[in-house]
Amino acid sequence: MKNHCNIPFFIPHSGCNNNCVFCSQVKITGKNHLEPNLDQETQSLIQTIENSLSTLSEETETQLAFFGGSFTGIERNRMISLLETGYDYVKKGKIKGIRISTRPDYINQEILDILKTYGVTDIELGIQSMNDRVLKECARGHISAISYKSSELIIKNGFNFVGQMMIGLPLSTIVDELETADAIIKMGATAARIYPTVVFSDTVLYNMTKDGLYKPLTNDQAIERCALCCDRFIKAGIKVLKIGLHSSESLTEAEFGANHPALGELVKSKIYFHRISEELDKLDCVGKTVQIFVKSGEQSKLTGHGGKILNELKEKYNLLKIETGITDTEENQPIIKIKE
């Protein structure tokens, strides 16, 4: 199996005319709201692609990925210019295709025809929530039905559809988030991203937090809720591409919300905790030594940071001892045995 690599190119917030309560694209992309010079931006894109390709093996399956804003909402000539630049590398066989990220209400047949012309293969929709109450509270600017319509149109036109969702939005509960994950699965997503809400200082959400109108999730709460949603995707055969925002220096400026640097690993450890708990619930294990086997490469997810997961399991089930080992299975489901 070939390794996969995205060449990310971040688009400033100018593609989006909406102002969601949680949004701070300047912090996330590290770019301001000013429209860039098109020639300079094109040259920057070429340099980014060339620099990335120079470090990658020819065996690596590479995509150009336009992230950071609502790509299909930027000025049309600018969008096409960026796509043309990337498509030159597709035609030369240097990259496999192009991935873009946008809003559900910035998708229509005309836009999809343009994207198809210039080698776009994957479209990521910032769905965030499928609960209309939550969408309204976040000033998202559209209702959940738009996400269904857009995802259907994307798949109908032969693109891979990726669903992005958020955890801990205003008014959102774990039930709402599990329903959002289930909806993304039902829509036919090939992959998903999960983003716990973080609170930047230059957002409406920051003021809501300071005024006591919004209570951000703690790291532990976000890990638990992400794990439950992530496990839904995994069991449905949907790859989870990312948990949490991309790390950057500016993200350390988020004063509130779940922004642990190892959030993804902690979520995967929590998934193991739940799966092992489900098996131990079926066994007479109190006061006994339990053996837990996972496939190679998964040991760190099993133990968690500082052995936290194993310690929690030992305390929860009053175990004498936990021994770990490796199994040759390809499955992520741990194998549990009681040591006689």
C-alpha atoms as a PDB file:
ATOM      1  CA  MET A   1       0.000   0.000   0.000  1.00  0.00           C
ATOM      2  CA  LYS A   2       1.354   3.432  -0.993  1.00  0.00           C
ATOM      3  CA  ASN A   3       1.801   6.150   1.580  1.00  0.00           C
ATOM      4  CA  HIS A   4      -0.594   9.071   1.215  1.00  0.00           C
ATOM      5  CA  CYS A   5       0.396  12.702   1.672  1.00  0.00           C
ATOM      6  CA  ASN A   6      -1.505  15.979   1.346  1.00  0.00           C
ATOM      7  CA  ILE A   7       0.280  19.129   0.250  1.00  0.00           C
ATOM      8  CA  PRO A   8      -1.691  21.724   2.226  1.00  0.00           C
ATOM      9  CA  PHE A   9      -2.216  25.223   0.893  1.00  0.00           C
ATOM     10  CA  PHE A  10      -4.185  27.505   3.186  1.00  0.00           C
ATOM     11  CA  ILE A  11      -6.746  29.963   1.848  1.00  0.00           C
ATOM     12  CA  PRO A  12      -7.579  33.049   3.959  1.00  0.00           C
ATOM     13  CA  HIS A  13     -11.059  33.605   5.352  1.00  0.00           C
ATOM     14  CA  SER A  14     -12.084  35.740   2.360  1.00  0.00           C
ATOM     15  CA  GLY A  15     -13.964  32.820   0.796  1.00  0.00           C
ATOM     16  CA  CYS A  16     -16.666  32.948   3.461  1.00  0.00           C
ATOM     17  CA  ASN A  17     -19.214  35.727   3.872  1.00  0.00           C
ATOM     18  CA  ASN A  18     -20.597  34.207   7.061  1.00  0.00           C
ATOM     19  CA  ASN A  19     -19.415  34.884  10.610  1.00  0.00           C
ATOM     20  CA  CYS A  20     -19.982  31.811  12.755  1.00  0.00           C
ATOM     21  CA  VAL A  21     -19.644  32.433  16.491  1.00  0.00           C
ATOM     22  CA  PHE A  22     -16.662  30.078  16.790  1.00  0.00           C
ATOM     23  CA  CYS A  23     -14.749  31.136  13.702  1.00  0.00           C
ATOM     24  CA  SER A  24     -11.324  32.759  13.778  1.00  0.00           C
ATOM     25  CA  GLN A  25      -9.737  31.947  10.449  1.00  0.00           C
ATOM     26  CA  VAL A  26      -6.881  34.386  11.087  1.00  0.00           C
ATOM     27  CA  LYS A  27      -5.770  32.266  14.024  1.00  0.00           C
ATOM     28  CA  ILE A  28      -6.298  28.947  12.247  1.00  0.00           C
ATOM     29  CA  THR A  29      -4.636  29.824   8.950  1.00  0.00           C
ATOM     30  CA  GLY A  30      -2.198  32.416  10.236  1.00  0.00           C
ATOM     31  CA  LYS A  31      -3.361  34.775   7.492  1.00  0.00           C
ATOM     32  CA  ASN A  32      -5.304  37.994   7.606  1.00  0.00           C
ATOM     33  CA  HIS A  33      -8.489  38.918   5.802  1.00  0.00           C
ATOM     34  CA  LEU A  34      -6.834  40.948   3.019  1.00  0.00           C
ATOM     35  CA  GLU A  35      -7.205  39.648  -0.532  1.00  0.00           C
ATOM     36  CA  PRO A  36      -3.782  38.467  -1.743  1.00  0.00           C
ATOM     37  CA  ASN A  37      -2.197  39.446  -5.027  1.00  0.00           C
ATOM     38  CA  LEU A  38      -3.218  36.678  -7.429  1.00  0.00           C
ATOM     39  CA  ASP A  39       0.169  36.397  -9.146  1.00  0.00           C
ATOM     40  CA  GLN A  40       1.965  36.259  -5.815  1.00  0.00           C
ATOM     41  CA  GLU A  41      -0.464  33.679  -4.472  1.00  0.00           C
ATOM     42  CA  THR A  42      -0.032  31.505  -7.574  1.00  0.00           C
ATOM     43  CA  GLN A  43       3.750  31.667  -7.243  1.00  0.00           C
ATOM     44  CA  SER A  44       3.431  30.810  -3.561  1.00  0.00           C
ATOM     45  CA  LEU A  45       1.315  27.779  -4.489  1.00  0.00           C
ATOM     46  CA  ILE A  46       3.882  26.612  -7.064  1.00  0.00           C
ATOM     47  CA  GLN A  47       6.678  27.002  -4.532  1.00  0.00           C
ATOM     48  CA  THR A  48       4.697  25.076  -1.910  1.00  0.00           C
ATOM     49  CA  ILE A  49       4.044  22.208  -4.319  1.00  0.00           C
ATOM     50  CA  GLU A  50       7.621  22.092  -5.598  1.00  0.00           C
ATOM     51  CA  ASN A  51       9.093  22.183  -2.094  1.00  0.00           C
ATOM     52  CA  SER A  52       6.811  19.377  -0.941  1.00  0.00           C
ATOM     53  CA  LEU A  53       7.422  17.181  -3.975  1.00  0.00           C
ATOM     54  CA  SER A  54      11.175  17.525  -3.511  1.00  0.00           C
ATOM     55  CA  THR A  55      10.898  15.809  -0.129  1.00  0.00           C
ATOM     56  CA  LEU A  56       8.539  13.003  -1.155  1.00  0.00           C
ATOM     57  CA  SER A  57       9.231   9.617  -2.675  1.00  0.00           C
ATOM     58  CA  GLU A  58       7.769   8.843  -6.091  1.00  0.00           C
ATOM     59  CA  GLU A  59       5.950   5.988  -4.357  1.00  0.00           C
ATOM     60  CA  THR A  60       3.968   8.466  -2.244  1.00  0.00           C
ATOM     61  CA  GLU A  61       0.398   9.078  -3.359  1.00  0.00           C
ATOM     62  CA  THR A  62       0.131  12.871  -3.225  1.00  0.00           C
ATOM     63  CA  GLN A  63      -2.797  15.277  -3.258  1.00  0.00           C
ATOM     64  CA  LEU A  64      -2.881  19.054  -3.280  1.00  0.00           C
ATOM     65  CA  ALA A  65      -5.256  20.187  -0.515  1.00  0.00           C
ATOM     66  CA  PHE A  66      -6.816  23.649  -0.330  1.00  0.00           C
ATOM     67  CA  PHE A  67      -7.647  24.162   3.351  1.00  0.00           C
ATOM     68  CA  GLY A  68      -8.371  26.983   5.748  1.00  0.00           C
ATOM     69  CA  GLY A  69     -11.402  28.685   4.244  1.00  0.00           C
ATOM     70  CA  SER A  70     -14.423  28.042   2.060  1.00  0.00           C
ATOM     71  CA  PHE A  71     -12.629  27.383  -1.207  1.00  0.00           C
ATOM     72  CA  THR A  72     -15.707  27.486  -3.450  1.00  0.00           C
ATOM     73  CA  GLY A  73     -16.704  30.842  -1.958  1.00  0.00           C
ATOM     74  CA  ILE A  74     -13.635  32.768  -3.057  1.00  0.00           C
ATOM     75  CA  GLU A  75     -13.700  35.019  -6.112  1.00  0.00           C
ATOM     76  CA  ARG A  76     -14.265  32.815  -9.172  1.00  0.00           C
ATOM     77  CA  ASN A  77     -11.207  33.887 -11.219  1.00  0.00           C
ATOM     78  CA  ARG A  78      -8.994  33.354  -8.200  1.00  0.00           C
ATOM     79  CA  MET A  79     -10.451  29.901  -7.554  1.00  0.00           C
ATOM     80  CA  ILE A  80      -9.942  28.830 -11.166  1.00  0.00           C
ATOM     81  CA  SER A  81      -6.398  30.236 -11.235  1.00  0.00           C
ATOM     82  CA  LEU A  82      -5.449  28.195  -8.163  1.00  0.00           C
ATOM     83  CA  LEU A  83      -7.117  25.091  -9.576  1.00  0.00           C
ATOM     84  CA  GLU A  84      -5.361  25.502 -12.950  1.00  0.00           C
ATOM     85  CA  THR A  85      -2.007  25.758 -11.202  1.00  0.00           C
ATOM     86  CA  GLY A  86      -2.631  22.591  -9.240  1.00  0.00           C
ATOM     87  CA  TYR A  87      -4.124  20.773 -12.217  1.00  0.00           C
ATOM     88  CA  ASP A  88      -0.883  21.243 -14.191  1.00  0.00           C
ATOM     89  CA  TYR A  89       0.754  18.891 -11.683  1.00  0.00           C
ATOM     90  CA  VAL A  90      -2.125  16.420 -11.984  1.00  0.00           C
ATOM     91  CA  LYS A  91      -1.741  16.325 -15.780  1.00  0.00           C
ATOM     92  CA  LYS A  92       2.009  15.749 -15.389  1.00  0.00           C
ATOM     93  CA  GLY A  93       1.318  12.841 -13.035  1.00  0.00           C
ATOM     94  CA  LYS A  94       3.160  14.497 -10.149  1.00  0.00           C
ATOM     95  CA  ILE A  95       0.097  14.574  -7.914  1.00  0.00           C
ATOM     96  CA  LYS A  96      -2.932  12.307  -7.990  1.00  0.00           C
ATOM     97  CA  GLY A  97      -5.628  14.901  -7.480  1.00  0.00           C
ATOM     98  CA  ILE A  98      -6.891  17.930  -5.615  1.00  0.00           C
ATOM     99  CA  ARG A  99      -8.804  18.117  -2.331  1.00  0.00           C
ATOM    100  CA  ILE A 100     -10.828  21.151  -1.291  1.00  0.00           C
ATOM    101  CA  SER A 101     -12.676  22.208   1.846  1.00  0.00           C
ATOM    102  CA  THR A 102     -15.847  24.305   1.824  1.00  0.00           C
ATOM    103  CA  ARG A 103     -19.276  24.943   3.353  1.00  0.00           C
ATOM    104  CA  PRO A 104     -22.394  22.921   2.511  1.00  0.00           C
ATOM    105  CA  ASP A 105     -24.175  26.038   1.217  1.00  0.00           C
ATOM    106  CA  TYR A 106     -21.312  26.841  -1.172  1.00  0.00           C
ATOM    107  CA  ILE A 107     -21.936  23.784  -3.351  1.00  0.00           C
ATOM    108  CA  ASN A 108     -24.033  23.628  -6.519  1.00  0.00           C
ATOM    109  CA  GLN A 109     -23.849  21.933  -9.903  1.00  0.00           C
ATOM    110  CA  GLU A 110     -21.985  24.797 -11.593  1.00  0.00           C
ATOM    111  CA  ILE A 111     -19.279  24.736  -8.925  1.00  0.00           C
ATOM    112  CA  LEU A 112     -18.984  20.951  -9.099  1.00  0.00           C
ATOM    113  CA  ASP A 113     -18.566  21.116 -12.882  1.00  0.00           C
ATOM    114  CA  ILE A 114     -15.647  23.525 -12.419  1.00  0.00           C
ATOM    115  CA  LEU A 115     -14.053  21.373  -9.730  1.00  0.00           C
ATOM    116  CA  LYS A 116     -14.387  18.280 -11.913  1.00  0.00           C
ATOM    117  CA  THR A 117     -12.735  20.061 -14.847  1.00  0.00           C
ATOM    118  CA  TYR A 118      -9.631  20.835 -12.799  1.00  0.00           C
ATOM    119  CA  GLY A 119      -8.926  17.485 -11.218  1.00  0.00           C
ATOM    120  CA  VAL A 120     -10.629  17.821  -7.848  1.00  0.00           C
ATOM    121  CA  THR A 121     -11.247  14.353  -6.408  1.00  0.00           C
ATOM    122  CA  ASP A 122     -12.207  14.977  -2.765  1.00  0.00           C
ATOM    123  CA  ILE A 123     -14.585  17.538  -1.276  1.00  0.00           C
ATOM    124  CA  GLU A 124     -14.665  18.140   2.457  1.00  0.00           C
ATOM    125  CA  LEU A 125     -17.800  19.747   3.843  1.00  0.00           C
ATOM    126  CA  GLY A 126     -17.737  21.682   7.103  1.00  0.00           C
ATOM    127  CA  ILE A 127     -21.007  20.222   8.317  1.00  0.00           C
ATOM    128  CA  GLN A 128     -20.163  20.859  11.997  1.00  0.00           C
ATOM    129  CA  SER A 129     -23.602  19.806  13.281  1.00  0.00           C
ATOM    130  CA  MET A 130     -26.794  18.272  11.916  1.00  0.00           C
ATOM    131  CA  ASN A 131     -28.914  19.827  14.655  1.00  0.00           C
ATOM    132  CA  ASP A 132     -30.738  22.942  13.450  1.00  0.00           C
ATOM    133  CA  ARG A 133     -30.945  24.337  16.985  1.00  0.00           C
ATOM    134  CA  VAL A 134     -27.144  24.178  17.266  1.00  0.00           C
ATOM    135  CA  LEU A 135     -26.600  25.593  13.769  1.00  0.00           C
ATOM    136  CA  LYS A 136     -28.813  28.580  14.571  1.00  0.00           C
ATOM    137  CA  GLU A 137     -27.072  29.234  17.897  1.00  0.00           C
ATOM    138  CA  CYS A 138     -23.724  29.171  16.074  1.00  0.00           C
ATOM    139  CA  ALA A 139     -24.977  31.584  13.374  1.00  0.00           C
ATOM    140  CA  ARG A 140     -23.934  28.995  10.836  1.00  0.00           C
ATOM    141  CA  GLY A 141     -26.126  30.501   8.121  1.00  0.00           C
ATOM    142  CA  HIS A 142     -27.803  27.338   6.833  1.00  0.00           C
ATOM    143  CA  ILE A 143     -29.935  24.438   8.044  1.00  0.00           C
ATOM    144  CA  SER A 144     -29.027  20.753   8.203  1.00  0.00           C
ATOM    145  CA  ALA A 145     -31.049  19.915   5.085  1.00  0.00           C
ATOM    146  CA  ILE A 146     -28.447  21.796   3.023  1.00  0.00           C
ATOM    147  CA  SER A 147     -25.758  19.367   4.181  1.00  0.00           C
ATOM    148  CA  TYR A 148     -27.836  16.410   3.006  1.00  0.00           C
ATOM    149  CA  LYS A 149     -28.467  18.067  -0.361  1.00  0.00           C
ATOM    150  CA  SER A 150     -24.833  19.040  -0.925  1.00  0.00           C
ATOM    151  CA  SER A 151     -23.388  15.663   0.067  1.00  0.00           C
ATOM    152  CA  GLU A 152     -25.827  13.907  -2.262  1.00  0.00           C
ATOM    153  CA  LEU A 153     -24.818  16.194  -5.138  1.00  0.00           C
ATOM    154  CA  ILE A 154     -21.111  15.662  -4.412  1.00  0.00           C
ATOM    155  CA  ILE A 155     -21.406  11.879  -4.479  1.00  0.00           C
ATOM    156  CA  LYS A 156     -23.695  11.938  -7.522  1.00  0.00           C
ATOM    157  CA  ASN A 157     -20.970  13.808  -9.418  1.00  0.00           C
ATOM    158  CA  GLY A 158     -18.338  11.216  -8.585  1.00  0.00           C
ATOM    159  CA  PHE A 159     -16.343  13.013  -5.876  1.00  0.00           C
ATOM    160  CA  ASN A 160     -15.212  11.507  -2.600  1.00  0.00           C
ATOM    161  CA  PHE A 161     -17.168  13.161   0.192  1.00  0.00           C
ATOM    162  CA  VAL A 162     -15.524  13.901   3.561  1.00  0.00           C
ATOM    163  CA  GLY A 163     -17.624  15.112   6.480  1.00  0.00           C
ATOM    164  CA  GLN A 164     -16.199  17.519   9.037  1.00  0.00           C
ATOM    165  CA  MET A 165     -17.950  17.821  12.406  1.00  0.00           C
ATOM    166  CA  MET A 166     -17.413  19.747  15.632  1.00  0.00           C
ATOM    167  CA  ILE A 167     -17.691  18.681  19.259  1.00  0.00           C
ATOM    168  CA  GLY A 168     -18.875  20.955  22.072  1.00  0.00           C
ATOM    169  CA  LEU A 169     -20.597  23.686  20.057  1.00  0.00           C
ATOM    170  CA  PRO A 170     -23.076  25.964  21.874  1.00  0.00           C
ATOM    171  CA  LEU A 171     -26.218  23.992  22.884  1.00  0.00           C
ATOM    172  CA  SER A 172     -24.712  20.781  21.469  1.00  0.00           C
ATOM    173  CA  THR A 173     -24.934  17.567  23.512  1.00  0.00           C
ATOM    174  CA  ILE A 174     -23.257  14.212  23.024  1.00  0.00           C
ATOM    175  CA  VAL A 175     -26.568  12.950  21.630  1.00  0.00           C
ATOM    176  CA  ASP A 176     -26.523  15.711  18.989  1.00  0.00           C
ATOM    177  CA  GLU A 177     -22.934  14.841  18.117  1.00  0.00           C
ATOM    178  CA  LEU A 178     -23.577  11.123  17.783  1.00  0.00           C
ATOM    179  CA  GLU A 179     -26.542  11.941  15.545  1.00  0.00           C
ATOM    180  CA  THR A 180     -24.269  14.150  13.440  1.00  0.00           C
ATOM    181  CA  ALA A 181     -21.734  11.322  13.116  1.00  0.00           C
ATOM    182  CA  ASP A 182     -24.531   8.922  12.149  1.00  0.00           C
ATOM    183  CA  ALA A 183     -25.812  11.409   9.560  1.00  0.00           C
ATOM    184  CA  ILE A 184     -22.364  11.766   7.985  1.00  0.00           C
ATOM    185  CA  ILE A 185     -22.170   7.973   7.774  1.00  0.00           C
ATOM    186  CA  LYS A 186     -25.637   7.837   6.207  1.00  0.00           C
ATOM    187  CA  MET A 187     -24.674  10.530   3.676  1.00  0.00           C
ATOM    188  CA  GLY A 188     -22.015   8.202   2.274  1.00  0.00           C
ATOM    189  CA  ALA A 189     -18.802   9.809   3.514  1.00  0.00           C
ATOM    190  CA  THR A 190     -15.544   8.044   2.727  1.00  0.00           C
ATOM    191  CA  ALA A 191     -13.754   9.838   5.571  1.00  0.00           C
ATOM    192  CA  ALA A 192     -14.358  12.282   8.415  1.00  0.00           C
ATOM    193  CA  ARG A 193     -12.662  14.886  10.582  1.00  0.00           C
ATOM    194  CA  ILE A 194     -13.614  15.691  14.181  1.00  0.00           C
ATOM    195  CA  TYR A 195     -12.859  19.099  15.679  1.00  0.00           C
ATOM    196  CA  PRO A 196     -13.478  19.896  19.350  1.00  0.00           C
ATOM    197  CA  THR A 197     -14.463  23.539  19.772  1.00  0.00           C
ATOM    198  CA  VAL A 198     -11.697  25.893  20.884  1.00  0.00           C
ATOM    199  CA  VAL A 199     -12.313  29.522  21.812  1.00  0.00           C
ATOM    200  CA  PHE A 200     -10.183  32.275  20.316  1.00  0.00           C
ATOM    201  CA  SER A 201     -10.190  35.803  21.706  1.00  0.00           C
ATOM    202  CA  ASP A 202     -11.461  37.517  18.561  1.00  0.00           C
ATOM    203  CA  THR A 203     -14.721  35.577  18.266  1.00  0.00           C
ATOM    204  CA  VAL A 204     -18.343  35.931  19.361  1.00  0.00           C
ATOM    205  CA  LEU A 205     -17.874  32.655  21.224  1.00  0.00           C
ATOM    206  CA  TYR A 206     -15.164  34.251  23.346  1.00  0.00           C
ATOM    207  CA  ASN A 207     -17.588  36.930  24.500  1.00  0.00           C
ATOM    208  CA  MET A 208     -20.234  34.282  25.135  1.00  0.00           C
ATOM    209  CA  THR A 209     -17.727  32.385  27.271  1.00  0.00           C
ATOM    210  CA  LYS A 210     -16.697  35.452  29.262  1.00  0.00           C
ATOM    211  CA  ASP A 211     -20.359  36.350  29.818  1.00  0.00           C
ATOM    212  CA  GLY A 212     -21.185  32.845  31.053  1.00  0.00           C
ATOM    213  CA  LEU A 213     -23.418  32.059  28.082  1.00  0.00           C
ATOM    214  CA  TYR A 214     -21.187  29.233  26.874  1.00  0.00           C
ATOM    215  CA  LYS A 215     -19.200  26.692  28.842  1.00  0.00           C
ATOM    216  CA  PRO A 216     -16.285  25.171  26.893  1.00  0.00           C
ATOM    217  CA  LEU A 217     -15.548  21.478  27.186  1.00  0.00           C
ATOM    218  CA  THR A 218     -12.598  20.357  29.272  1.00  0.00           C
ATOM    219  CA  ASN A 219      -9.983  18.163  27.609  1.00  0.00           C
ATOM    220  CA  ASP A 220     -11.412  15.083  29.340  1.00  0.00           C
ATOM    221  CA  GLN A 221     -14.961  15.873  28.211  1.00  0.00           C
ATOM    222  CA  ALA A 222     -13.854  16.476  24.634  1.00  0.00           C
ATOM    223  CA  ILE A 223     -11.791  13.274  24.564  1.00  0.00           C
ATOM    224  CA  GLU A 224     -14.772  11.237  25.745  1.00  0.00           C
ATOM    225  CA  ARG A 225     -17.184  12.738  23.233  1.00  0.00           C
ATOM    226  CA  CYS A 226     -14.693  12.565  20.351  1.00  0.00           C
ATOM    227  CA  ALA A 227     -14.007   8.916  21.184  1.00  0.00           C
ATOM    228  CA  LEU A 228     -17.683   7.969  21.003  1.00  0.00           C
ATOM    229  CA  CYS A 229     -18.112   9.689  17.621  1.00  0.00           C
ATOM    230  CA  CYS A 230     -14.812   8.386  16.292  1.00  0.00           C
ATOM    231  CA  ASP A 231     -15.749   4.830  17.209  1.00  0.00           C
ATOM    232  CA  ARG A 232     -18.993   5.201  15.227  1.00  0.00           C
ATOM    233  CA  PHE A 233     -16.990   6.143  12.147  1.00  0.00           C
ATOM    234  CA  ILE A 234     -14.461   3.331  12.601  1.00  0.00           C
ATOM    235  CA  LYS A 235     -17.156   0.683  12.996  1.00  0.00           C
ATOM    236  CA  ALA A 236     -18.829   1.983   9.835  1.00  0.00           C
ATOM    237  CA  GLY A 237     -15.561   1.642   7.896  1.00  0.00           C
ATOM    238  CA  ILE A 238     -15.048   5.397   7.600  1.00  0.00           C
ATOM    239  CA  LYS A 239     -11.494   6.647   8.031  1.00  0.00           C
ATOM    240  CA  VAL A 240     -11.030   9.440  10.558  1.00  0.00           C
ATOM    241  CA  LEU A 241      -8.439  11.725   8.963  1.00  0.00           C
ATOM    242  CA  LYS A 242      -7.933  14.102  11.860  1.00  0.00           C
ATOM    243  CA  ILE A 243      -9.070  14.743  15.419  1.00  0.00           C
ATOM    244  CA  GLY A 244      -8.521  18.347  16.520  1.00  0.00           C
ATOM    245  CA  LEU A 245      -7.262  21.387  14.643  1.00  0.00           C
ATOM    246  CA  HIS A 246      -3.915  21.306  12.870  1.00  0.00           C
ATOM    247  CA  SER A 247      -1.179  22.255  15.282  1.00  0.00           C
ATOM    248  CA  SER A 248       0.302  25.687  14.788  1.00  0.00           C
ATOM    249  CA  GLU A 249       1.835  28.302  17.007  1.00  0.00           C
ATOM    250  CA  SER A 250      -1.322  30.424  16.909  1.00  0.00           C
ATOM    251  CA  LEU A 251      -3.480  27.627  18.329  1.00  0.00           C
ATOM    252  CA  THR A 252      -1.739  28.029  21.666  1.00  0.00           C
ATOM    253  CA  GLU A 253      -3.533  31.374  21.847  1.00  0.00           C
ATOM    254  CA  ALA A 254      -6.922  29.660  22.291  1.00  0.00           C
ATOM    255  CA  GLU A 255      -7.767  30.619  25.860  1.00  0.00           C
ATOM    256  CA  PHE A 256     -10.618  28.130  26.331  1.00  0.00           C
ATOM    257  CA  GLY A 257     -11.659  24.752  24.998  1.00  0.00           C
ATOM    258  CA  ALA A 258     -10.040  21.400  24.314  1.00  0.00           C
ATOM    259  CA  ASN A 259      -6.688  22.029  22.680  1.00  0.00           C
ATOM    260  CA  HIS A 260      -4.428  19.278  24.010  1.00  0.00           C
ATOM    261  CA  PRO A 261      -1.418  18.752  21.698  1.00  0.00           C
ATOM    262  CA  ALA A 262      -1.896  14.955  21.796  1.00  0.00           C
ATOM    263  CA  LEU A 263      -5.682  15.010  21.516  1.00  0.00           C
ATOM    264  CA  GLY A 264      -5.851  12.463  18.707  1.00  0.00           C
ATOM    265  CA  GLU A 265      -3.784   9.879  20.587  1.00  0.00           C
ATOM    266  CA  LEU A 266      -5.802  10.431  23.756  1.00  0.00           C
ATOM    267  CA  VAL A 267      -9.043   9.876  21.852  1.00  0.00           C
ATOM    268  CA  LYS A 268      -7.748   6.634  20.344  1.00  0.00           C
ATOM    269  CA  SER A 269      -6.698   5.481  23.830  1.00  0.00           C
ATOM    270  CA  LYS A 270     -10.180   6.260  25.120  1.00  0.00           C
ATOM    271  CA  ILE A 271     -11.669   4.151  22.320  1.00  0.00           C
ATOM    272  CA  TYR A 272      -9.538   1.246  23.517  1.00  0.00           C
ATOM    273  CA  PHE A 273     -10.734   1.901  27.067  1.00  0.00           C
ATOM    274  CA  HIS A 274     -14.362   1.584  25.990  1.00  0.00           C
ATOM    275  CA  ARG A 275     -13.769  -1.514  23.865  1.00  0.00           C
ATOM    276  CA  ILE A 276     -11.823  -3.285  26.602  1.00  0.00           C
ATOM    277  CA  SER A 277     -14.485  -2.306  29.139  1.00  0.00           C
ATOM    278  CA  GLU A 278     -17.174  -3.873  26.952  1.00  0.00           C
ATOM    279  CA  GLU A 279     -15.262  -7.167  26.999  1.00  0.00           C
ATOM    280  CA  LEU A 280     -14.389  -7.070  30.705  1.00  0.00           C
ATOM    281  CA  ASP A 281     -18.048  -6.456  31.548  1.00  0.00           C
ATOM    282  CA  LYS A 282     -18.712  -9.976  30.231  1.00  0.00           C
ATOM    283  CA  LEU A 283     -15.966 -11.632  32.276  1.00  0.00           C
ATOM    284  CA  ASP A 284     -15.420 -12.620  35.899  1.00  0.00           C
ATOM    285  CA  CYS A 285     -12.217 -10.630  36.257  1.00  0.00           C
ATOM    286  CA  VAL A 286     -12.284  -9.076  39.744  1.00  0.00           C
ATOM    287  CA  GLY A 287      -9.021  -9.721  41.583  1.00  0.00           C
ATOM    288  CA  LYS A 288      -7.510 -11.510  38.595  1.00  0.00           C
ATOM    289  CA  THR A 289      -4.728 -10.867  36.099  1.00  0.00           C
ATOM    290  CA  VAL A 290      -6.010  -9.775  32.699  1.00  0.00           C
ATOM    291  CA  GLN A 291      -4.019 -10.104  29.480  1.00  0.00           C
ATOM    292  CA  ILE A 292      -4.712  -7.599  26.705  1.00  0.00           C
ATOM    293  CA  PHE A 293      -3.329  -8.154  23.205  1.00  0.00           C
ATOM    294  CA  VAL A 294      -3.324  -5.569  20.409  1.00  0.00           C
ATOM    295  CA  LYS A 295      -1.817  -5.502  16.943  1.00  0.00           C
ATOM    296  CA  SER A 296       1.702  -4.225  16.422  1.00  0.00           C
ATOM    297  CA  GLY A 297       1.985  -0.453  16.513  1.00  0.00           C
ATOM    298  CA  GLU A 298      -1.037   0.041  18.743  1.00  0.00           C
ATOM    299  CA  GLN A 299       0.651  -0.378  22.133  1.00  0.00           C
ATOM    300  CA  SER A 300       0.902   3.360  22.821  1.00  0.00           C
ATOM    301  CA  LYS A 301      -2.831   3.800  22.254  1.00  0.00           C
ATOM    302  CA  LEU A 302      -3.516   0.950  24.661  1.00  0.00           C
ATOM    303  CA  THR A 303      -1.383   2.256  27.500  1.00  0.00           C
ATOM    304  CA  GLY A 304      -2.241   5.911  27.049  1.00  0.00           C
ATOM    305  CA  HIS A 305      -0.111   8.735  28.427  1.00  0.00           C
ATOM    306  CA  GLY A 306       1.723   7.522  31.522  1.00  0.00           C
ATOM    307  CA  GLY A 307      -0.206   4.259  31.562  1.00  0.00           C
ATOM    308  CA  LYS A 308      -3.430   6.140  32.300  1.00  0.00           C
ATOM    309  CA  ILE A 309      -5.747   3.771  30.422  1.00  0.00           C
ATOM    310  CA  LEU A 310      -4.370   0.653  32.100  1.00  0.00           C
ATOM    311  CA  ASN A 311      -4.531   2.290  35.516  1.00  0.00           C
ATOM    312  CA  GLU A 312      -8.154   3.297  34.944  1.00  0.00           C
ATOM    313  CA  LEU A 313      -9.079  -0.224  33.844  1.00  0.00           C
ATOM    314  CA  LYS A 314      -7.305  -1.780  36.810  1.00  0.00           C
ATOM    315  CA  GLU A 315      -9.158   0.492  39.227  1.00  0.00           C
ATOM    316  CA  LYS A 316     -12.544   0.179  37.517  1.00  0.00           C
ATOM    317  CA  TYR A 317     -12.542  -3.637  37.586  1.00  0.00           C
ATOM    318  CA  ASN A 318     -10.404  -4.147  40.716  1.00  0.00           C
ATOM    319  CA  LEU A 319      -7.893  -6.189  38.740  1.00  0.00           C
ATOM    320  CA  LEU A 320      -4.842  -7.814  40.302  1.00  0.00           C
ATOM    321  CA  LYS A 321      -2.650  -7.027  37.301  1.00  0.00           C
ATOM    322  CA  ILE A 322      -2.772  -6.183  33.594  1.00  0.00           C
ATOM    323  CA  GLU A 323      -0.329  -7.747  31.158  1.00  0.00           C
ATOM    324  CA  THR A 324      -0.077  -6.548  27.578  1.00  0.00           C
ATOM    325  CA  GLY A 325       1.102  -8.257  24.436  1.00  0.00           C
ATOM    326  CA  ILE A 326       1.085  -8.231  20.635  1.00  0.00           C
ATOM    327  CA  THR A 327      -1.175 -10.225  18.348  1.00  0.00           C
ATOM    328  CA  ASP A 328      -0.816 -10.713  14.590  1.00  0.00           C
ATOM    329  CA  THR A 329      -4.421  -9.713  13.903  1.00  0.00           C
ATOM    330  CA  GLU A 330      -5.136  -6.877  11.484  1.00  0.00           C
ATOM    331  CA  GLU A 331      -8.137  -5.772  13.525  1.00  0.00           C
ATOM    332  CA  ASN A 332      -8.061  -2.880  15.999  1.00  0.00           C
ATOM    333  CA  GLN A 333     -10.263  -4.825  18.397  1.00  0.00           C
ATOM    334  CA  PRO A 334      -8.170  -5.869  21.446  1.00  0.00           C
ATOM    335  CA  ILE A 335      -8.111  -9.524  22.516  1.00  0.00           C
ATOM    336  CA  ILE A 336      -8.846 -10.041  26.224  1.00  0.00           C
ATOM    337  CA  LYS A 337      -7.906 -13.116  28.265  1.00  0.00           C
ATOM    338  CA  ILE A 338      -8.043 -13.994  31.947  1.00  0.00           C
ATOM    339  CA  LYS A 339      -4.751 -15.429  33.095  1.00  0.00           C
ATOM    340  CA  GLU A 340      -5.275 -18.675  35.009  1.00  0.00           C
END
